[in-house]
PDB file of N, CA and C in Angstrom:
ATOM      1  N   LEU A   1     -10.816 -15.755  53.070  1.00  0.00           N
ATOM      2  CA  LEU A   1     -10.792 -17.071  52.474  1.00  0.00           C
ATOM      3  C   LEU A   1     -12.187 -17.670  52.327  1.00  0.00           C
ATOM      4  N   GLN A   2     -13.151 -17.121  53.011  1.00  0.00           N
ATOM      5  CA  GLN A   2     -14.487 -17.697  52.940  1.00  0.00           C
ATOM      6  C   GLN A   2     -15.219 -17.323  51.661  1.00  0.00           C
ATOM      7  N   GLU A   3     -14.887 -16.180  51.067  1.00  0.00           N
ATOM      8  CA  GLU A   3     -15.576 -15.727  49.867  1.00  0.00           C
ATOM      9  C   GLU A   3     -14.983 -16.391  48.629  1.00  0.00           C
ATOM     10  N   PRO A   4     -15.830 -16.951  47.764  1.00  0.00           N
ATOM     11  CA  PRO A   4     -15.316 -17.526  46.515  1.00  0.00           C
ATOM     12  C   PRO A   4     -14.804 -16.431  45.586  1.00  0.00           C
ATOM     13  N   VAL A   5     -13.895 -16.791  44.705  1.00  0.00           N
ATOM     14  CA  VAL A   5     -13.306 -15.863  43.738  1.00  0.00           C
ATOM     15  C   VAL A   5     -13.692 -16.342  42.345  1.00  0.00           C
ATOM     16  N   ASP A   6     -14.182 -15.422  41.517  1.00  0.00           N
ATOM     17  CA  ASP A   6     -14.520 -15.753  40.127  1.00  0.00           C
ATOM     18  C   ASP A   6     -13.385 -15.315  39.217  1.00  0.00           C
ATOM     19  N   ILE A   7     -12.824 -16.254  38.476  1.00  0.00           N
ATOM     20  CA  ILE A   7     -11.754 -15.982  37.519  1.00  0.00           C
ATOM     21  C   ILE A   7     -12.167 -16.582  36.184  1.00  0.00           C
ATOM     22  N   GLU A   8     -12.354 -15.720  35.211  1.00  0.00           N
ATOM     23  CA  GLU A   8     -12.739 -16.157  33.866  1.00  0.00           C
ATOM     24  C   GLU A   8     -13.911 -17.135  33.907  1.00  0.00           C
ATOM     25  N   SER A   9     -14.970 -16.736  34.584  1.00  0.00           N
ATOM     26  CA  SER A   9     -16.217 -17.511  34.684  1.00  0.00           C
ATOM     27  C   SER A   9     -16.070 -18.822  35.455  1.00  0.00           C
ATOM     28  N   VAL A  10     -15.005 -18.967  36.202  1.00  0.00           N
ATOM     29  CA  VAL A  10     -14.805 -20.151  37.044  1.00  0.00           C
ATOM     30  C   VAL A  10     -14.778 -19.687  38.499  1.00  0.00           C
ATOM     31  N   THR A  11     -15.595 -20.310  39.336  1.00  0.00           N
ATOM     32  CA  THR A  11     -15.622 -19.967  40.753  1.00  0.00           C
ATOM     33  C   THR A  11     -14.631 -20.856  41.497  1.00  0.00           C
ATOM     34  N   ILE A  12     -13.742 -20.204  42.234  1.00  0.00           N
ATOM     35  CA  ILE A  12     -12.713 -20.923  42.993  1.00  0.00           C
ATOM     36  C   ILE A  12     -12.923 -20.640  44.475  1.00  0.00           C
ATOM     37  N   ARG A  13     -12.908 -21.683  45.273  1.00  0.00           N
ATOM     38  CA  ARG A  13     -13.033 -21.545  46.727  1.00  0.00           C
ATOM     39  C   ARG A  13     -11.700 -21.961  47.365  1.00  0.00           C
ATOM     40  N   PHE A  14     -11.247 -21.148  48.289  1.00  0.00           N
ATOM     41  CA  PHE A  14      -9.988 -21.406  48.978  1.00  0.00           C
ATOM     42  C   PHE A  14     -10.268 -21.789  50.422  1.00  0.00           C
ATOM     43  N   SER A  15      -9.383 -22.569  50.992  1.00  0.00           N
ATOM     44  CA  SER A  15      -9.424 -22.857  52.424  1.00  0.00           C
ATOM     45  C   SER A  15      -7.982 -22.976  52.904  1.00  0.00           C
ATOM     46  N   ALA A  16      -7.808 -22.869  54.201  1.00  0.00           N
ATOM     47  CA  ALA A  16      -6.466 -22.984  54.771  1.00  0.00           C
ATOM     48  C   ALA A  16      -6.546 -23.769  56.074  1.00  0.00           C
ATOM     49  N   SER A  17      -5.581 -24.623  56.281  1.00  0.00           N
ATOM     50  CA  SER A  17      -5.429 -25.330  57.547  1.00  0.00           C
ATOM     51  C   SER A  17      -4.137 -24.827  58.174  1.00  0.00           C
ATOM     52  N   ILE A  18      -4.201 -24.501  59.464  1.00  0.00           N
ATOM     53  CA  ILE A  18      -3.067 -23.854  60.120  1.00  0.00           C
ATOM     54  C   ILE A  18      -2.641 -24.655  61.345  1.00  0.00           C
ATOM     55  N   GLY A  19      -1.339 -24.891  61.459  1.00  0.00           N
ATOM     56  CA  GLY A  19      -0.761 -25.530  62.633  1.00  0.00           C
ATOM     57  C   GLY A  19       0.027 -24.500  63.419  1.00  0.00           C
ATOM     58  N   ILE A  20      -0.178 -24.471  64.727  1.00  0.00           N
ATOM     59  CA  ILE A  20       0.430 -23.443  65.571  1.00  0.00           C
ATOM     60  C   ILE A  20       1.207 -24.098  66.703  1.00  0.00           C
ATOM     61  N   THR A  21       2.391 -23.584  66.946  1.00  0.00           N
ATOM     62  CA  THR A  21       3.143 -23.960  68.138  1.00  0.00           C
ATOM     63  C   THR A  21       3.636 -22.672  68.785  1.00  0.00           C
ATOM     64  N   ILE A  22       3.771 -22.678  70.083  1.00  0.00           N
ATOM     65  CA  ILE A  22       4.189 -21.480  70.819  1.00  0.00           C
ATOM     66  C   ILE A  22       5.473 -21.801  71.559  1.00  0.00           C
ATOM     67  N   ARG A  23       6.418 -20.869  71.489  1.00  0.00           N
ATOM     68  CA  ARG A  23       7.689 -21.037  72.202  1.00  0.00           C
ATOM     69  C   ARG A  23       7.682 -20.132  73.420  1.00  0.00           C
ATOM     70  N   LYS A  24       7.722 -20.729  74.594  1.00  0.00           N
ATOM     71  CA  LYS A  24       7.776 -19.977  75.842  1.00  0.00           C
ATOM     72  C   LYS A  24       9.238 -19.699  76.181  1.00  0.00           C
ATOM     73  N   PRO A  25       9.512 -18.697  77.027  1.00  0.00           N
ATOM     74  CA  PRO A  25      10.904 -18.349  77.338  1.00  0.00           C
ATOM     75  C   PRO A  25      11.738 -19.527  77.849  1.00  0.00           C
ATOM     76  N   GLN A  26      11.142 -20.419  78.615  1.00  0.00           N
ATOM     77  CA  GLN A  26      11.889 -21.556  79.164  1.00  0.00           C
ATOM     78  C   GLN A  26      11.995 -22.725  78.185  1.00  0.00           C
ATOM     79  N   ASP A  27      11.363 -22.605  77.029  1.00  0.00           N
ATOM     80  CA  ASP A  27      11.353 -23.663  76.013  1.00  0.00           C
ATOM     81  C   ASP A  27      12.742 -23.787  75.389  1.00  0.00           C
ATOM     82  N   GLN A  28      13.254 -25.003  75.314  1.00  0.00           N
ATOM     83  CA  GLN A  28      14.593 -25.241  74.771  1.00  0.00           C
ATOM     84  C   GLN A  28      14.577 -25.777  73.341  1.00  0.00           C
ATOM     85  N   ARG A  29      13.390 -25.820  72.700  1.00  0.00           N
ATOM     86  CA  ARG A  29      13.325 -26.342  71.336  1.00  0.00           C
ATOM     87  C   ARG A  29      14.043 -25.414  70.359  1.00  0.00           C
ATOM     88  N   SER A  30      14.709 -26.010  69.396  1.00  0.00           N
ATOM     89  CA  SER A  30      15.388 -25.250  68.343  1.00  0.00           C
ATOM     90  C   SER A  30      14.365 -24.843  67.283  1.00  0.00           C
ATOM     91  N   LEU A  31      14.785 -23.966  66.372  1.00  0.00           N
ATOM     92  CA  LEU A  31      13.896 -23.550  65.286  1.00  0.00           C
ATOM     93  C   LEU A  31      13.430 -24.743  64.452  1.00  0.00           C
ATOM     94  N   PRO A  32      14.326 -25.656  64.047  1.00  0.00           N
ATOM     95  CA  PRO A  32      13.839 -26.823  63.297  1.00  0.00           C
ATOM     96  C   PRO A  32      12.807 -27.651  64.077  1.00  0.00           C
ATOM     97  N   GLU A  33      12.983 -27.759  65.390  1.00  0.00           N
ATOM     98  CA  GLU A  33      12.012 -28.501  66.205  1.00  0.00           C
ATOM     99  C   GLU A  33      10.674 -27.774  66.262  1.00  0.00           C
ATOM    100  N   LEU A  34      10.710 -26.444  66.383  1.00  0.00           N
ATOM    101  CA  LEU A  34       9.471 -25.660  66.385  1.00  0.00           C
ATOM    102  C   LEU A  34       8.727 -25.816  65.064  1.00  0.00           C
ATOM    103  N   LEU A  35       9.469 -25.768  63.962  1.00  0.00           N
ATOM    104  CA  LEU A  35       8.850 -25.937  62.645  1.00  0.00           C
ATOM    105  C   LEU A  35       8.267 -27.338  62.489  1.00  0.00           C
ATOM    106  N   ARG A  36       8.965 -28.337  62.995  1.00  0.00           N
ATOM    107  CA  ARG A  36       8.460 -29.718  62.941  1.00  0.00           C
ATOM    108  C   ARG A  36       7.146 -29.835  63.709  1.00  0.00           C
ATOM    109  N   ASP A  37       7.103 -29.224  64.899  1.00  0.00           N
ATOM    110  CA  ASP A  37       5.895 -29.295  65.724  1.00  0.00           C
ATOM    111  C   ASP A  37       4.731 -28.543  65.075  1.00  0.00           C
ATOM    112  N   ALA A  38       5.013 -27.380  64.480  1.00  0.00           N
ATOM    113  CA  ALA A  38       3.967 -26.629  63.780  1.00  0.00           C
ATOM    114  C   ALA A  38       3.471 -27.411  62.567  1.00  0.00           C
ATOM    115  N   ASP A  39       4.378 -28.067  61.873  1.00  0.00           N
ATOM    116  CA  ASP A  39       4.009 -28.872  60.710  1.00  0.00           C
ATOM    117  C   ASP A  39       3.110 -30.042  61.125  1.00  0.00           C
ATOM    118  N   ALA A  40       3.459 -30.697  62.223  1.00  0.00           N
ATOM    119  CA  ALA A  40       2.635 -31.808  62.717  1.00  0.00           C
ATOM    120  C   ALA A  40       1.240 -31.307  63.087  1.00  0.00           C
ATOM    121  N   ALA A  41       1.170 -30.133  63.716  1.00  0.00           N
ATOM    122  CA  ALA A  41      -0.131 -29.555  64.066  1.00  0.00           C
ATOM    123  C   ALA A  41      -0.932 -29.222  62.810  1.00  0.00           C
ATOM    124  N   MET A  42      -0.258 -28.725  61.772  1.00  0.00           N
ATOM    125  CA  MET A  42      -0.949 -28.407  60.525  1.00  0.00           C
ATOM    126  C   MET A  42      -1.585 -29.663  59.928  1.00  0.00           C
ATOM    127  N   TYR A  43      -0.865 -30.777  59.938  1.00  0.00           N
ATOM    128  CA  TYR A  43      -1.420 -32.008  59.381  1.00  0.00           C
ATOM    129  C   TYR A  43      -2.577 -32.534  60.226  1.00  0.00           C
ATOM    130  N   ARG A  44      -2.540 -32.311  61.549  1.00  0.00           N
ATOM    131  CA  ARG A  44      -3.695 -32.657  62.381  1.00  0.00           C
ATOM    132  C   ARG A  44      -4.890 -31.792  61.989  1.00  0.00           C
ATOM    133  N   ALA A  45      -4.644 -30.488  61.752  1.00  0.00           N
ATOM    134  CA  ALA A  45      -5.723 -29.584  61.328  1.00  0.00           C
ATOM    135  C   ALA A  45      -6.299 -30.032  59.995  1.00  0.00           C
ATOM    136  N   LYS A  46      -5.450 -30.378  59.043  1.00  0.00           N
ATOM    137  CA  LYS A  46      -5.917 -30.850  57.733  1.00  0.00           C
ATOM    138  C   LYS A  46      -6.776 -32.101  57.878  1.00  0.00           C
ATOM    139  N   GLY A  47      -6.414 -32.975  58.804  1.00  0.00           N
ATOM    140  CA  GLY A  47      -7.175 -34.198  59.019  1.00  0.00           C
ATOM    141  C   GLY A  47      -8.568 -33.948  59.571  1.00  0.00           C
ATOM    142  N   ARG A  48      -8.773 -32.783  60.169  1.00  0.00           N
ATOM    143  CA  ARG A  48     -10.083 -32.424  60.729  1.00  0.00           C
ATOM    144  C   ARG A  48     -11.005 -31.797  59.694  1.00  0.00           C
ATOM    145  N   GLY A  49     -10.450 -31.483  58.523  1.00  0.00           N
ATOM    146  CA  GLY A  49     -11.263 -30.891  57.463  1.00  0.00           C
ATOM    147  C   GLY A  49     -10.752 -29.521  57.078  1.00  0.00           C
ATOM    148  N   PRO A  50     -11.316 -28.955  56.012  1.00  0.00           N
ATOM    149  CA  PRO A  50     -10.835 -27.664  55.517  1.00  0.00           C
ATOM    150  C   PRO A  50     -11.111 -26.525  56.498  1.00  0.00           C
ATOM    151  N   GLY A  51     -10.206 -25.560  56.495  1.00  0.00           N
ATOM    152  CA  GLY A  51     -10.396 -24.352  57.290  1.00  0.00           C
ATOM    153  C   GLY A  51     -10.269 -24.557  58.787  1.00  0.00           C
ATOM    154  N   ARG A  52      -9.432 -25.484  59.222  1.00  0.00           N
ATOM    155  CA  ARG A  52      -9.295 -25.775  60.653  1.00  0.00           C
ATOM    156  C   ARG A  52      -7.922 -25.351  61.161  1.00  0.00           C
ATOM    157  N   THR A  53      -7.811 -25.245  62.481  1.00  0.00           N
ATOM    158  CA  THR A  53      -6.530 -24.962  63.122  1.00  0.00           C
ATOM    159  C   THR A  53      -6.259 -26.043  64.165  1.00  0.00           C
ATOM    160  N   ALA A  54      -4.978 -26.206  64.494  1.00  0.00           N
ATOM    161  CA  ALA A  54      -4.588 -27.137  65.552  1.00  0.00           C
ATOM    162  C   ALA A  54      -3.356 -26.568  66.242  1.00  0.00           C
ATOM    163  N   PHE A  55      -3.296 -26.743  67.549  1.00  0.00           N
ATOM    164  CA  PHE A  55      -2.158 -26.303  68.344  1.00  0.00           C
ATOM    165  C   PHE A  55      -1.310 -27.502  68.731  1.00  0.00           C
ATOM    166  N   HIS A  56       0.008 -27.309  68.695  1.00  0.00           N
ATOM    167  CA  HIS A  56       0.913 -28.325  69.234  1.00  0.00           C
ATOM    168  C   HIS A  56       1.093 -28.002  70.706  1.00  0.00           C
ATOM    169  N   ARG A  57       0.941 -28.998  71.550  1.00  0.00           N
ATOM    170  CA  ARG A  57       1.091 -28.764  72.994  1.00  0.00           C
ATOM    171  C   ARG A  57       2.240 -29.590  73.527  1.00  0.00           C
TER     172      ARG A  57
END
């Protein structure tokens, strides 16, 4: 993602923000709850700028 891509004489730069949550064996969260937590972490990462990650704790 760090390297720019040239398409028809136009340079395009990509970035990604990633939100991560981890489910431990004793964790009782459902799949929708895990996705909600990962989504919230992703938006925290986006708020920090391009190309960042954030963990839900």
